[in-house]
Amino acid sequence: MDAIEKLLKESGPCLSTELAGRLIEQYGLTPEAARKRISRQPASVRRLAYLKFPRNARFVYLQDQYGSPWFWDALVKALLETSPAYGGAIAALRQRGSLMPKTHFFIACGSPLAQQRHLSPQTVLDRLIQAKLLEEIDVPGIGPCVARAQESAFYAELIPDMQARLVVEDIMLKAVRGWARNLGLVSYDKAKIRGEEANLPQVGTFAWDLSAPSYLGGLIERSAEGKPSPGFFVCDIVLDHEITTEGIAPFMQKCRTLRSLRKVGRCIQLFIAEKYSQEAFQLAKSQGVMPGTPATLFGEEVAASLRQLSGVLRQAASVRDMKVFDELFNGLSRIEGAATNLRGALFEFWAAEVVRQMFGANIRMNRHFVDATGKAEVDVQASVASRQVRFYECKGYQPGGLIPDDEVDCWLEKRIPVVYKQAQTSPDWKGREFHFEFWTTGRLSNASIARIKKAQATVRPGRYTLDYCDSDGLTAIAKATGDKALIDALRQHFLDHPMAKIQRTEAKRLRSESATM
């Protein structure tokens, strides 16, 4: 076995300068001989393209090591030591399960949105994609995402974990915002959370998961004329994984750089994680950053409920006990906005169990379909023994609320064509009948109902059938199952919600007035 191959096999991937040092130490080569030996590397040794390292070093590895944890650990270590922008970006992605929304990558990677002599997040992403380390994919229901480059089939395994993490993190961010508002820590109406507006929350040259100006006495600064300039409160979050020193490094880099910006006021910096390695916790504390957890911020009851929610969302169709959601609603009831996030997830599980009982069907949830024309996600897919496959679009939108027309248009014009094309070519579904249905706890506009009815009438016989079901229809379906837990869950969390009652009353009044005109 060649000496280079032997060293890489024993010690793992590394920079060529480090490999040269091993050749000198173990084989007595001169520096020049070591460099020449590396330049004549065997066919099994590979060099990472496009990324530059100091002293013209290259990252080298064996072909069979590519993509392994050993490969990524060594690469992140080398990049953090020599090119923190690239190393931090990869470390942030790995810390979040190797898949995250593109906008979140811009927050988490540690690079400023725009700052002289610094790489922007987009530039970092472009170069890592060029190096075939990362790639951009589209995830139905979420949009553009950044992923570690790997086989496309592997992404399907990562998506449920990401979706669950995003729901739980969103609940936690809203809880932190409410906590900061109630304490008077931040300006009430200026606290921003990722995803709520087109622009990312920003302080200085960086984007954050949460940001807000603060006029606390210890943070404000005054000009010579006495005019106050606010300080700031910023927060980033990643739940479900223990934070390592590499994982928190991009956030620490943002914090250090932010403090060096002369035109940015004093800042309180908070990082939230489920748990920390001892080294990561000490690193944050030593540099004046607050390392928080759900338990330290809101108590163990809320933390346990968040962990339970994450587990439930990952279990998909295996969750059949509606009482689980009652426990979650109660456990997270103190968090503003938590019910909204839970309601959408609950409705998909509720629909899956109803369909299971109605048809004795085999259920799959959140299934993704892809073809050359686009991508689509099916909330509930049911394979029925009567050689029928049913696809359900579920919108637990808001109690009694009006579903936007574009939601129905997207279902009819984009999702159904993609799913149907994939379904009819699947060998597992050869000769099956296909049925699509739009279920919502809210209301459909007259325009949306007309669009669905028109589609029903124009679909060529033998292709597929489609229908819709609103809150009144769902009530009848629930009663037909005879399952008290399903009936109670629909009533308690959707139909009997105070806002739902008000909106239903208003809808009846409008229908009555329309009938008398």
Protein backbone atom coordinates (compact mmCIF):
# COMPACT_ATOMS: atom_id res chain seq x y z
CA MET A 1 0.00 0.00 0.00
CA ASP A 2 1.31 3.48 -0.89
CA ALA A 3 2.51 5.57 2.06
CA ILE A 4 -0.01 8.37 1.36
CA GLU A 5 -2.88 5.91 1.11
CA LYS A 6 -1.75 4.20 4.31
CA LEU A 7 -1.56 7.49 6.26
CA LEU A 8 -5.00 8.65 5.09
CA LYS A 9 -6.48 5.29 5.95
CA GLU A 10 -5.00 5.40 9.46
CA SER A 11 -5.42 9.09 10.36
CA GLY A 12 -8.22 10.24 8.08
CA PRO A 13 -8.68 13.12 5.60
CA CYS A 14 -6.56 16.23 6.14
CA LEU A 15 -4.86 19.17 4.49
CA SER A 16 -1.95 18.34 2.20
CA THR A 17 0.37 20.37 4.47
CA GLU A 18 -0.60 18.15 7.41
CA LEU A 19 -0.12 15.05 5.26
CA ALA A 20 3.34 16.27 4.28
CA GLY A 21 4.20 16.64 7.96
CA ARG A 22 3.17 13.03 8.59
CA LEU A 23 5.36 11.84 5.70
CA ILE A 24 8.33 13.76 7.08
CA GLU A 25 7.77 12.47 10.62
CA GLN A 26 7.03 8.82 9.87
CA TYR A 27 9.08 8.18 6.72
CA GLY A 28 12.01 10.59 7.14
CA LEU A 29 11.31 12.43 3.87
CA THR A 30 12.56 15.94 3.25
CA PRO A 31 9.85 18.64 2.86
CA GLU A 32 10.56 18.79 -0.87
CA ALA A 33 10.31 15.00 -1.26
CA ALA A 34 7.08 14.94 0.74
CA ARG A 35 5.54 17.60 -1.51
CA LYS A 36 6.54 15.70 -4.64
CA ARG A 37 5.17 12.44 -3.23
CA ILE A 38 1.81 14.13 -2.60
CA SER A 39 1.76 15.65 -6.09
CA ARG A 40 2.10 12.11 -7.50
CA GLN A 41 -0.76 10.82 -5.36
CA PRO A 42 -2.24 7.38 -6.14
CA ALA A 43 -5.55 7.06 -8.00
CA SER A 44 -7.45 6.28 -4.79
CA VAL A 45 -6.54 9.68 -3.30
CA ARG A 46 -8.73 12.68 -4.12
CA ARG A 47 -8.31 16.43 -3.72
CA LEU A 48 -11.21 18.74 -2.90
CA ALA A 49 -11.68 21.17 -5.77
CA TYR A 50 -12.44 24.91 -5.72
CA LEU A 51 -11.81 25.68 -2.02
CA LYS A 52 -8.49 27.41 -1.33
CA PHE A 53 -6.40 26.94 1.80
CA PRO A 54 -3.29 28.83 3.00
CA ARG A 55 0.10 27.97 1.47
CA ASN A 56 -1.63 26.37 -1.54
CA ALA A 57 -2.73 23.47 0.63
CA ARG A 58 -5.46 21.11 -0.60
CA PHE A 59 -7.85 18.93 1.36
CA VAL A 60 -7.04 15.30 0.53
CA TYR A 61 -8.96 12.11 1.24
CA LEU A 62 -9.52 8.58 0.03
CA GLN A 63 -12.37 8.03 -2.40
CA ASP A 64 -14.22 5.73 0.01
CA GLN A 65 -13.97 8.35 2.80
CA TYR A 66 -15.97 10.97 0.88
CA GLY A 67 -19.16 11.99 2.66
CA SER A 68 -18.40 9.98 5.81
CA PRO A 69 -18.57 11.59 9.30
CA TRP A 70 -14.75 11.34 9.35
CA PHE A 71 -14.60 13.34 6.11
CA TRP A 72 -16.94 16.09 7.35
CA ASP A 73 -15.35 16.35 10.81
CA ALA A 74 -11.89 16.80 9.29
CA LEU A 75 -13.11 19.25 6.65
CA VAL A 76 -14.98 21.44 9.13
CA LYS A 77 -11.96 21.47 11.45
CA ALA A 78 -9.64 22.49 8.61
CA LEU A 79 -12.02 25.18 7.32
CA LEU A 80 -12.73 26.67 10.76
CA GLU A 81 -8.97 27.03 11.31
CA THR A 82 -8.24 28.52 7.88
CA SER A 83 -11.49 29.77 6.27
CA PRO A 84 -14.13 30.37 8.98
CA ALA A 85 -16.75 31.55 6.49
CA TYR A 86 -16.84 28.15 4.77
CA GLY A 87 -16.21 26.08 7.89
CA GLY A 88 -18.90 27.92 9.84
CA ALA A 89 -21.43 27.44 7.06
CA ILE A 90 -20.88 23.68 6.92
CA ALA A 91 -20.82 23.40 10.72
CA ALA A 92 -24.09 25.31 11.01
CA LEU A 93 -25.75 23.05 8.44
CA ARG A 94 -24.52 19.86 10.11
CA GLN A 95 -25.72 21.15 13.47
CA ARG A 96 -29.21 21.44 11.96
CA GLY A 97 -29.37 17.92 10.58
CA SER A 98 -27.75 18.68 7.17
CA LEU A 99 -30.92 20.26 5.74
CA MET A 100 -32.34 23.74 6.34
CA PRO A 101 -34.32 26.46 4.54
CA LYS A 102 -32.11 28.68 2.42
CA THR A 103 -33.17 31.84 4.27
CA HIS A 104 -32.20 30.17 7.56
CA PHE A 105 -28.80 29.31 6.07
CA PHE A 106 -28.25 33.04 5.54
CA ILE A 107 -28.85 33.51 9.28
CA ALA A 108 -26.97 30.52 10.62
CA CYS A 109 -23.84 30.45 8.43
CA GLY A 110 -22.18 33.31 10.33
CA SER A 111 -21.42 35.55 7.34
CA PRO A 112 -22.63 39.18 7.15
CA LEU A 113 -25.29 40.02 4.59
CA ALA A 114 -23.12 42.85 3.26
CA GLN A 115 -19.80 43.97 4.69
CA GLN A 116 -16.52 44.98 3.09
CA ARG A 117 -13.81 42.32 3.02
CA HIS A 118 -16.27 39.64 4.09
CA LEU A 119 -17.93 36.93 1.99
CA SER A 120 -21.71 37.17 1.80
CA PRO A 121 -23.88 34.11 2.60
CA GLN A 122 -24.80 33.76 -1.07
CA THR A 123 -21.15 33.77 -2.13
CA VAL A 124 -20.28 31.18 0.52
CA LEU A 125 -23.18 29.00 -0.62
CA ASP A 126 -22.28 29.34 -4.30
CA ARG A 127 -18.68 28.27 -3.73
CA LEU A 128 -19.61 25.34 -1.51
CA ILE A 129 -22.08 24.20 -4.17
CA GLN A 130 -19.35 24.57 -6.82
CA ALA A 131 -17.10 22.40 -4.63
CA LYS A 132 -19.90 19.78 -4.61
CA LEU A 133 -20.13 19.91 -0.82
CA LEU A 134 -23.59 21.50 -0.59
CA GLU A 135 -26.53 21.77 -2.94
CA GLU A 136 -29.79 23.65 -3.16
CA ILE A 137 -33.01 21.64 -3.35
CA ASP A 138 -36.69 22.55 -3.30
CA VAL A 139 -38.82 21.07 -0.52
CA PRO A 140 -42.59 21.25 -1.11
CA GLY A 141 -44.30 23.35 1.53
CA ILE A 142 -41.03 25.00 2.59
CA GLY A 143 -39.31 26.13 -0.60
CA PRO A 144 -35.58 26.43 -1.43
CA CYS A 145 -33.40 24.56 1.07
CA VAL A 146 -29.68 23.99 1.51
CA ALA A 147 -28.51 20.40 1.97
CA ARG A 148 -25.29 18.50 2.30
CA ALA A 149 -24.54 16.99 -1.10
CA GLN A 150 -25.59 13.34 -1.15
CA GLU A 151 -27.90 10.89 -2.89
CA SER A 152 -31.29 12.50 -3.59
CA ALA A 153 -33.15 9.57 -2.01
CA PHE A 154 -31.53 10.42 1.32
CA TYR A 155 -33.25 13.81 1.49
CA ALA A 156 -36.65 12.17 2.01
CA GLU A 157 -35.34 10.89 5.35
CA LEU A 158 -34.19 14.37 6.43
CA ILE A 159 -37.32 16.34 5.52
CA PRO A 160 -39.63 15.11 8.35
CA ASP A 161 -36.95 15.92 10.94
CA MET A 162 -36.48 19.40 9.50
CA GLN A 163 -40.23 20.06 9.36
CA ALA A 164 -40.64 19.01 12.99
CA ARG A 165 -37.68 21.11 14.10
CA LEU A 166 -38.98 24.22 12.33
CA VAL A 167 -42.41 23.95 13.99
CA VAL A 168 -40.89 23.56 17.46
CA GLU A 169 -38.35 26.34 16.91
CA ASP A 170 -41.07 28.69 15.68
CA ILE A 171 -43.07 28.10 18.85
CA MET A 172 -39.98 28.71 20.97
CA LEU A 173 -39.05 31.92 19.14
CA LYS A 174 -42.56 33.29 19.71
CA ALA A 175 -42.27 32.37 23.38
CA VAL A 176 -38.95 34.25 23.67
CA ARG A 177 -40.43 37.27 21.93
CA GLY A 178 -43.38 37.28 24.32
CA TRP A 179 -41.03 36.91 27.29
CA ALA A 180 -38.85 39.82 26.09
CA ARG A 181 -41.91 42.00 25.44
CA ASN A 182 -43.48 41.29 28.81
CA LEU A 183 -40.23 42.12 30.60
CA GLY A 184 -39.93 45.40 28.71
CA LEU A 185 -36.60 44.18 27.40
CA VAL A 186 -37.46 45.16 23.80
CA SER A 187 -39.63 47.61 21.89
CA TYR A 188 -42.96 45.77 21.75
CA ASP A 189 -43.89 46.31 18.10
CA LYS A 190 -40.38 46.06 16.67
CA ALA A 191 -39.47 42.52 17.71
CA LYS A 192 -39.05 40.46 14.51
CA ILE A 193 -38.89 36.70 13.97
CA ARG A 194 -37.57 34.88 10.90
CA GLY A 195 -40.26 33.98 8.40
CA GLU A 196 -42.85 36.53 9.49
CA GLU A 197 -41.78 39.17 6.99
CA ALA A 198 -40.07 39.21 3.61
CA ASN A 199 -36.89 40.66 5.13
CA LEU A 200 -34.86 38.71 7.67
CA PRO A 201 -34.48 40.15 11.20
CA GLN A 202 -31.29 42.19 11.07
CA VAL A 203 -29.00 44.00 13.46
CA GLY A 204 -25.79 45.46 12.10
CA THR A 205 -24.68 43.53 9.03
CA PHE A 206 -26.06 40.19 10.24
CA ALA A 207 -29.37 38.35 10.08
CA TRP A 208 -30.79 36.66 13.18
CA ASP A 209 -33.62 34.31 14.07
CA LEU A 210 -35.03 37.06 16.34
CA SER A 211 -34.04 40.68 16.75
CA ALA A 212 -35.40 43.78 18.43
CA PRO A 213 -34.21 47.24 19.55
CA SER A 214 -34.02 47.81 23.30
CA TYR A 215 -34.23 51.03 25.30
CA LEU A 216 -33.11 49.57 28.63
CA GLY A 217 -30.95 52.03 30.51
CA GLY A 218 -27.89 49.80 30.39
CA LEU A 219 -28.09 49.46 26.61
CA ILE A 220 -28.97 52.90 25.25
CA GLU A 221 -26.33 55.44 24.32
CA ARG A 222 -26.90 59.17 23.97
CA SER A 223 -25.52 61.60 21.44
CA ALA A 224 -23.98 64.95 22.42
CA GLU A 225 -27.47 66.45 21.96
CA GLY A 226 -28.94 63.89 24.36
CA LYS A 227 -30.78 61.87 21.71
CA PRO A 228 -30.98 58.19 22.74
CA SER A 229 -29.76 55.43 20.45
CA PRO A 230 -31.12 51.98 21.27
CA GLY A 231 -29.25 48.82 22.06
CA PHE A 232 -30.43 45.50 20.70
CA PHE A 233 -31.55 42.01 21.66
CA VAL A 234 -30.65 39.20 19.22
CA CYS A 235 -31.27 35.48 19.35
CA ASP A 236 -30.51 32.38 17.26
CA ILE A 237 -31.94 28.93 17.89
CA VAL A 238 -31.38 25.27 17.02
CA LEU A 239 -33.28 22.55 18.86
CA ASP A 240 -33.17 18.73 18.93
CA HIS A 241 -29.38 18.43 18.74
CA GLU A 242 -26.63 18.95 21.30
CA ILE A 243 -24.69 22.07 20.39
CA THR A 244 -20.99 21.53 19.85
CA THR A 245 -18.21 24.10 19.78
CA GLU A 246 -18.18 23.80 15.98
CA GLY A 247 -21.96 24.21 15.83
CA ILE A 248 -22.00 27.39 17.90
CA ALA A 249 -18.89 28.86 16.22
CA PRO A 250 -20.79 30.77 13.47
CA PHE A 251 -23.02 32.44 16.07
CA MET A 252 -20.00 33.39 18.18
CA GLN A 253 -18.36 34.87 15.09
CA LYS A 254 -21.46 36.98 14.43
CA CYS A 255 -21.47 38.19 18.04
CA ARG A 256 -17.79 39.17 18.03
CA THR A 257 -18.06 41.01 14.74
CA LEU A 258 -21.27 42.78 15.78
CA ARG A 259 -19.56 44.17 18.88
CA SER A 260 -16.78 45.58 16.70
CA LEU A 261 -19.17 47.64 14.55
CA ARG A 262 -18.92 51.25 15.72
CA LYS A 263 -22.39 52.31 14.60
CA VAL A 264 -24.24 49.48 16.35
CA GLY A 265 -25.29 49.93 19.97
CA ARG A 266 -24.78 47.55 22.87
CA CYS A 267 -26.35 44.17 22.40
CA ILE A 268 -27.71 41.27 24.47
CA GLN A 269 -27.00 38.02 22.63
CA LEU A 270 -28.91 34.81 23.35
CA PHE A 271 -28.47 31.36 21.83
CA ILE A 272 -31.13 28.70 22.47
CA ALA A 273 -30.51 24.97 22.22
CA GLU A 274 -31.96 21.80 23.72
CA LYS A 275 -28.57 21.09 25.33
CA TYR A 276 -24.89 22.02 25.01
CA SER A 277 -21.61 20.20 25.17
CA GLN A 278 -19.63 21.38 28.17
CA GLU A 279 -17.09 23.04 25.86
CA ALA A 280 -19.77 24.90 23.87
CA PHE A 281 -21.49 26.09 27.05
CA GLN A 282 -18.25 27.42 28.49
CA LEU A 283 -17.32 29.09 25.19
CA ALA A 284 -20.58 31.03 25.14
CA LYS A 285 -20.31 32.06 28.78
CA SER A 286 -16.67 33.12 28.43
CA GLN A 287 -17.55 35.48 25.58
CA GLY A 288 -20.58 37.11 27.18
CA VAL A 289 -23.27 35.19 25.30
CA MET A 290 -26.29 33.73 27.12
CA PRO A 291 -26.57 29.96 26.43
CA GLY A 292 -30.26 29.31 27.04
CA THR A 293 -32.46 26.21 26.86
CA PRO A 294 -36.26 25.84 26.84
CA ALA A 295 -36.05 24.52 30.41
CA THR A 296 -33.96 27.42 31.79
CA LEU A 297 -36.17 29.99 30.05
CA PHE A 298 -39.66 28.57 30.59
CA GLY A 299 -39.40 25.62 32.94
CA GLU A 300 -39.22 21.88 32.53
CA GLU A 301 -42.96 21.48 31.77
CA VAL A 302 -42.74 23.60 28.63
CA ALA A 303 -39.42 21.98 27.65
CA ALA A 304 -40.94 18.50 28.03
CA SER A 305 -43.95 19.52 25.92
CA LEU A 306 -41.67 20.80 23.16
CA ARG A 307 -39.72 17.54 23.18
CA GLN A 308 -42.97 15.59 23.06
CA LEU A 309 -44.23 17.71 20.16
CA SER A 310 -41.01 17.12 18.23
CA GLY A 311 -41.37 13.38 18.72
CA VAL A 312 -45.03 13.39 17.67
CA LEU A 313 -44.33 15.33 14.49
CA ARG A 314 -41.60 12.86 13.54
CA GLN A 315 -43.82 9.83 14.08
CA ALA A 316 -46.19 10.93 11.31
CA ALA A 317 -48.96 8.43 10.61
CA SER A 318 -48.17 6.25 13.64
CA VAL A 319 -49.81 8.76 16.03
CA ARG A 320 -53.43 7.74 16.56
CA ASP A 321 -54.28 8.98 20.06
CA MET A 322 -55.86 12.46 19.89
CA LYS A 323 -55.33 12.83 23.64
CA VAL A 324 -51.65 13.41 22.89
CA PHE A 325 -52.59 16.73 21.27
CA ASP A 326 -54.76 17.71 24.23
CA GLU A 327 -51.69 17.27 26.43
CA LEU A 328 -49.59 19.37 24.04
CA PHE A 329 -52.18 22.17 23.86
CA ASN A 330 -52.34 22.27 27.65
CA GLY A 331 -48.56 22.06 28.12
CA LEU A 332 -47.85 24.89 25.65
CA SER A 333 -50.94 27.02 26.34
CA ARG A 334 -48.86 29.73 27.99
CA ILE A 335 -46.92 30.41 24.79
CA GLU A 336 -48.47 33.01 22.52
CA GLY A 337 -48.97 31.59 19.03
CA ALA A 338 -48.32 27.96 20.01
CA ALA A 339 -51.93 26.94 19.37
CA THR A 340 -51.72 28.17 15.78
CA ASN A 341 -48.68 25.99 15.05
CA LEU A 342 -50.20 22.99 16.81
CA ARG A 343 -53.54 23.33 15.11
CA GLY A 344 -52.11 22.82 11.62
CA ALA A 345 -50.16 19.72 12.68
CA LEU A 346 -53.11 18.34 14.64
CA PHE A 347 -55.44 18.59 11.66
CA GLU A 348 -53.19 16.46 9.47
CA PHE A 349 -53.01 13.75 12.14
CA TRP A 350 -56.76 14.01 12.71
CA ALA A 351 -57.45 13.65 8.98
CA ALA A 352 -55.10 10.65 8.73
CA GLU A 353 -56.93 8.81 11.51
CA VAL A 354 -60.35 9.63 10.06
CA VAL A 355 -59.34 8.30 6.64
CA ARG A 356 -57.83 5.21 8.24
CA GLN A 357 -61.12 4.46 9.99
CA MET A 358 -63.30 5.31 6.98
CA PHE A 359 -61.51 3.06 4.50
CA GLY A 360 -59.35 0.71 6.56
CA ALA A 361 -56.54 2.28 4.54
CA ASN A 362 -52.78 2.12 4.72
CA ILE A 363 -51.72 5.71 5.52
CA ARG A 364 -48.65 7.73 4.61
CA MET A 365 -48.22 11.35 5.64
CA ASN A 366 -46.25 14.22 4.12
CA ARG A 367 -45.21 12.26 1.05
CA HIS A 368 -43.20 14.12 -1.59
CA PHE A 369 -43.62 13.73 -5.34
CA VAL A 370 -41.14 15.06 -7.91
CA ASP A 371 -41.06 15.17 -11.70
CA ALA A 372 -39.56 17.36 -14.41
CA THR A 373 -42.40 19.90 -14.11
CA GLY A 374 -42.30 20.45 -10.37
CA LYS A 375 -42.61 19.11 -6.84
CA ALA A 376 -45.58 18.54 -4.57
CA GLU A 377 -46.29 17.32 -1.06
CA VAL A 378 -49.34 15.24 -0.12
CA ASP A 379 -50.42 15.71 3.49
CA VAL A 380 -52.25 12.37 3.73
CA GLN A 381 -52.07 9.53 1.22
CA ALA A 382 -54.32 6.49 1.66
CA SER A 383 -54.02 3.18 -0.18
CA VAL A 384 -57.41 1.45 -0.03
CA ALA A 385 -58.03 -2.27 -0.48
CA SER A 386 -60.65 -1.51 -3.17
CA ARG A 387 -57.77 -0.62 -5.53
CA GLN A 388 -58.12 3.09 -4.87
CA VAL A 389 -55.46 5.61 -3.87
CA ARG A 390 -56.66 8.78 -2.18
CA PHE A 391 -54.70 12.02 -1.71
CA TYR A 392 -55.75 14.66 0.84
CA GLU A 393 -54.71 18.30 1.04
CA CYS A 394 -55.28 19.34 4.67
CA LYS A 395 -55.66 22.96 5.79
CA GLY A 396 -56.20 23.46 9.49
CA TYR A 397 -55.85 27.07 8.50
CA GLN A 398 -57.50 28.89 11.37
CA PRO A 399 -60.78 28.31 13.21
CA GLY A 400 -63.53 29.28 10.81
CA GLY A 401 -61.15 31.36 8.71
CA LEU A 402 -61.42 31.93 4.99
CA ILE A 403 -58.93 29.88 2.95
CA PRO A 404 -57.05 32.08 0.44
CA ASP A 405 -58.09 31.37 -3.14
CA ASP A 406 -54.47 30.87 -4.21
CA GLU A 407 -54.23 27.85 -1.88
CA VAL A 408 -56.96 26.13 -3.87
CA ASP A 409 -55.49 27.30 -7.19
CA CYS A 410 -52.08 25.87 -6.26
CA TRP A 411 -53.69 22.55 -5.31
CA LEU A 412 -55.59 22.31 -8.58
CA GLU A 413 -52.97 23.66 -10.98
CA LYS A 414 -49.65 22.53 -9.49
CA ARG A 415 -49.94 19.78 -6.89
CA ILE A 416 -52.55 17.53 -8.47
CA PRO A 417 -50.82 17.40 -11.91
CA VAL A 418 -47.44 16.50 -10.37
CA VAL A 419 -48.87 13.86 -8.04
CA TYR A 420 -51.12 12.34 -10.69
CA LYS A 421 -48.29 12.04 -13.21
CA GLN A 422 -46.13 10.24 -10.66
CA ALA A 423 -49.02 8.08 -9.44
CA GLN A 424 -50.00 6.77 -12.87
CA THR A 425 -46.42 5.70 -13.65
CA SER A 426 -45.85 3.96 -10.30
CA PRO A 427 -45.72 0.17 -10.71
CA ASP A 428 -47.23 -0.20 -7.22
CA TRP A 429 -50.37 1.63 -8.32
CA LYS A 430 -50.89 0.16 -11.75
CA GLY A 431 -54.61 -0.10 -12.52
CA ARG A 432 -55.62 1.88 -9.43
CA GLU A 433 -58.24 4.64 -9.25
CA PHE A 434 -57.04 8.02 -7.99
CA HIS A 435 -59.02 10.49 -5.90
CA PHE A 436 -57.97 13.96 -4.68
CA GLU A 437 -59.70 15.85 -1.90
CA PHE A 438 -59.23 19.26 -0.24
CA TRP A 439 -60.10 19.20 3.49
CA THR A 440 -60.26 22.33 5.61
CA THR A 441 -61.56 23.35 8.99
CA GLY A 442 -62.13 26.80 7.57
CA ARG A 443 -64.30 28.13 4.76
CA LEU A 444 -63.79 28.19 1.02
CA SER A 445 -64.77 31.29 -0.93
CA ASN A 446 -67.46 31.09 -3.60
CA ALA A 447 -64.72 31.56 -6.20
CA SER A 448 -62.73 28.60 -4.86
CA ILE A 449 -65.79 26.37 -4.73
CA ALA A 450 -66.60 27.33 -8.32
CA ARG A 451 -63.04 26.48 -9.39
CA ILE A 452 -63.25 23.03 -7.78
CA LYS A 453 -66.64 22.30 -9.33
CA LYS A 454 -65.38 23.37 -12.73
CA ALA A 455 -62.40 21.05 -12.36
CA GLN A 456 -64.69 18.21 -11.31
CA ALA A 457 -66.70 18.66 -14.49
CA THR A 458 -63.76 18.98 -16.86
CA VAL A 459 -61.45 16.15 -15.69
CA ARG A 460 -61.49 13.43 -18.33
CA PRO A 461 -63.25 10.26 -17.05
CA GLY A 462 -60.82 7.59 -15.99
CA ARG A 463 -58.04 9.98 -14.99
CA TYR A 464 -59.00 10.86 -11.43
CA THR A 465 -61.82 12.33 -9.35
CA LEU A 466 -61.67 15.25 -6.94
CA ASP A 467 -63.80 16.84 -4.22
CA TYR A 468 -63.61 19.14 -1.20
CA CYS A 469 -64.82 19.13 2.39
CA ASP A 470 -65.22 22.15 4.69
CA SER A 471 -65.98 22.33 8.42
CA ASP A 472 -69.62 21.27 8.03
CA GLY A 473 -68.67 18.23 5.97
CA LEU A 474 -65.89 17.28 8.40
CA THR A 475 -68.37 17.37 11.28
CA ALA A 476 -70.55 14.81 9.49
CA ILE A 477 -67.53 12.63 8.68
CA ALA A 478 -66.35 12.69 12.28
CA LYS A 479 -69.78 11.69 13.59
CA ALA A 480 -69.93 8.84 11.08
CA THR A 481 -66.77 7.31 12.59
CA GLY A 482 -68.42 7.12 16.01
CA ASP A 483 -65.00 7.83 17.55
CA LYS A 484 -65.53 10.17 20.49
CA ALA A 485 -61.86 11.25 20.60
CA LEU A 486 -61.97 12.34 16.95
CA ILE A 487 -65.29 14.14 17.41
CA ASP A 488 -64.09 15.92 20.55
CA ALA A 489 -60.76 16.94 18.98
CA LEU A 490 -62.51 18.53 15.99
CA ARG A 491 -64.96 20.36 18.19
CA GLN A 492 -62.54 21.49 20.89
CA HIS A 493 -59.61 22.64 18.78
CA PHE A 494 -61.41 23.90 15.68
CA LEU A 495 -65.18 24.26 15.64
CA ASP A 496 -65.81 25.46 19.20
CA HIS A 497 -62.87 27.83 19.31
CA PRO A 498 -64.23 31.32 20.21
CA MET A 499 -62.97 32.84 16.97
CA ALA A 500 -64.54 30.01 14.96
CA LYS A 501 -67.94 30.63 16.54
CA ILE A 502 -67.79 34.34 15.74
CA GLN A 503 -66.78 33.69 12.13
CA ARG A 504 -69.44 31.00 11.63
CA THR A 505 -72.11 33.35 12.96
CA GLU A 506 -70.94 36.08 10.60
CA ALA A 507 -70.89 33.66 7.67
CA LYS A 508 -74.47 32.57 8.38
CA ARG A 509 -75.57 36.22 8.58
CA LEU A 510 -74.00 36.97 5.21
CA ARG A 511 -75.61 33.91 3.62
CA SER A 512 -78.99 34.94 5.06
CA GLU A 513 -78.67 38.48 3.73
CA SER A 514 -77.64 37.16 0.32
CA ALA A 515 -80.69 34.87 0.18
CA THR A 516 -83.11 37.72 0.89
CA MET A 517 -81.69 40.05 -1.73
